[in-house]
């Protein structure tokens, strides 16, 4: 029973690896190389939800 489970896990991992490489090849077709020089102006997208997080005690979690 353990051998069957290990075989199924191996097959699942192989299928996931194949799917990942297939998705990567599809995504790479739409990518373009970007080159920046020193002094170029660029837009930087910053998400406030994923910005700097402060470490400390949260009021609702403290005793």
C-alpha atoms as a PDB file:
ATOM      1  CA  UNK A   1       0.000   0.000   0.000  1.00  0.00           C
ATOM      2  CA  UNK A   2       2.847   2.395   0.808  1.00  0.00           C
ATOM      3  CA  UNK A   3       4.562   1.586  -2.494  1.00  0.00           C
ATOM      4  CA  UNK A   4       1.374   2.382  -4.412  1.00  0.00           C
ATOM      5  CA  UNK A   5       1.019   5.688  -2.584  1.00  0.00           C
ATOM      6  CA  UNK A   6       4.665   6.583  -3.234  1.00  0.00           C
ATOM      7  CA  UNK A   7       4.217   5.754  -6.917  1.00  0.00           C
ATOM      8  CA  UNK A   8       1.132   7.971  -7.132  1.00  0.00           C
ATOM      9  CA  UNK A   9       2.970  10.816  -5.408  1.00  0.00           C
ATOM     10  CA  UNK A  10       5.850  10.464  -7.873  1.00  0.00           C
ATOM     11  CA  UNK A  11       3.446  10.551 -10.828  1.00  0.00           C
ATOM     12  CA  UNK A  12       1.701  13.617  -9.400  1.00  0.00           C
ATOM     13  CA  UNK A  13       5.037  15.416  -8.915  1.00  0.00           C
ATOM     14  CA  UNK A  14       6.053  14.606 -12.480  1.00  0.00           C
ATOM     15  CA  UNK A  15       2.741  15.890 -13.860  1.00  0.00           C
ATOM     16  CA  UNK A  16       3.096  19.104 -11.841  1.00  0.00           C
ATOM     17  CA  UNK A  17       6.622  19.577 -13.162  1.00  0.00           C
ATOM     18  CA  UNK A  18       5.402  19.127 -16.746  1.00  0.00           C
ATOM     19  CA  UNK A  19       2.558  21.592 -16.175  1.00  0.00           C
ATOM     20  CA  UNK A  20       4.947  24.128 -14.648  1.00  0.00           C
ATOM     21  CA  UNK A  21       7.308  23.970 -17.627  1.00  0.00           C
ATOM     22  CA  UNK A  22       4.385  24.237 -20.049  1.00  0.00           C
ATOM     23  CA  UNK A  23       3.009  27.302 -18.238  1.00  0.00           C
ATOM     24  CA  UNK A  24       6.478  28.863 -18.182  1.00  0.00           C
ATOM     25  CA  UNK A  25       6.875  28.412 -21.925  1.00  0.00           C
ATOM     26  CA  UNK A  26       3.476  30.065 -22.519  1.00  0.00           C
ATOM     27  CA  UNK A  27       4.362  32.991 -20.244  1.00  0.00           C
ATOM     28  CA  UNK A  28       7.820  33.443 -21.781  1.00  0.00           C
ATOM     29  CA  UNK A  29       6.289  33.952 -25.230  1.00  0.00           C
ATOM     30  CA  UNK A  30       4.705  37.211 -24.017  1.00  0.00           C
ATOM     31  CA  UNK A  31       7.735  38.517 -22.149  1.00  0.00           C
ATOM     32  CA  UNK A  32      10.077  41.110 -23.524  1.00  0.00           C
ATOM     33  CA  UNK A  33      13.557  42.037 -22.457  1.00  0.00           C
ATOM     34  CA  UNK A  34      13.816  45.372 -20.681  1.00  0.00           C
ATOM     35  CA  UNK A  35      17.086  47.208 -20.380  1.00  0.00           C
ATOM     36  CA  UNK A  36      17.515  50.283 -18.223  1.00  0.00           C
ATOM     37  CA  UNK A  37      20.347  52.754 -18.250  1.00  0.00           C
ATOM     38  CA  UNK A  38      21.551  54.807 -15.326  1.00  0.00           C
ATOM     39  CA  UNK A  39      19.423  57.932 -15.117  1.00  0.00           C
ATOM     40  CA  UNK A  40      16.333  56.450 -16.773  1.00  0.00           C
ATOM     41  CA  UNK A  41      13.021  57.414 -15.199  1.00  0.00           C
ATOM     42  CA  UNK A  42      10.760  54.473 -14.419  1.00  0.00           C
ATOM     43  CA  UNK A  43       7.460  53.944 -12.642  1.00  0.00           C
ATOM     44  CA  UNK A  44       7.602  51.821  -9.522  1.00  0.00           C
ATOM     45  CA  UNK A  45       4.424  50.047  -8.494  1.00  0.00           C
ATOM     46  CA  UNK A  46       4.186  49.594  -4.734  1.00  0.00           C
ATOM     47  CA  UNK A  47       1.287  47.841  -3.102  1.00  0.00           C
ATOM     48  CA  UNK A  48       0.421  49.333   0.304  1.00  0.00           C
ATOM     49  CA  UNK A  49      -0.906  46.000   1.562  1.00  0.00           C
ATOM     50  CA  UNK A  50       2.455  44.374   0.941  1.00  0.00           C
ATOM     51  CA  UNK A  51       4.539  47.350   1.987  1.00  0.00           C
ATOM     52  CA  UNK A  52       6.736  47.600   5.035  1.00  0.00           C
ATOM     53  CA  UNK A  53       5.278  45.714   7.941  1.00  0.00           C
ATOM     54  CA  UNK A  54       6.087  46.777  11.428  1.00  0.00           C
ATOM     55  CA  UNK A  55       6.929  44.229  14.052  1.00  0.00           C
ATOM     56  CA  UNK A  56       5.506  44.638  17.492  1.00  0.00           C
ATOM     57  CA  UNK A  57       2.664  43.710  19.782  1.00  0.00           C
ATOM     58  CA  UNK A  58      -0.738  44.178  18.255  1.00  0.00           C
ATOM     59  CA  UNK A  59      -3.307  45.656  20.604  1.00  0.00           C
ATOM     60  CA  UNK A  60      -5.967  43.058  20.026  1.00  0.00           C
ATOM     61  CA  UNK A  61      -3.548  40.156  20.508  1.00  0.00           C
ATOM     62  CA  UNK A  62      -1.931  41.308  23.717  1.00  0.00           C
ATOM     63  CA  UNK A  63      -3.277  39.962  27.034  1.00  0.00           C
END
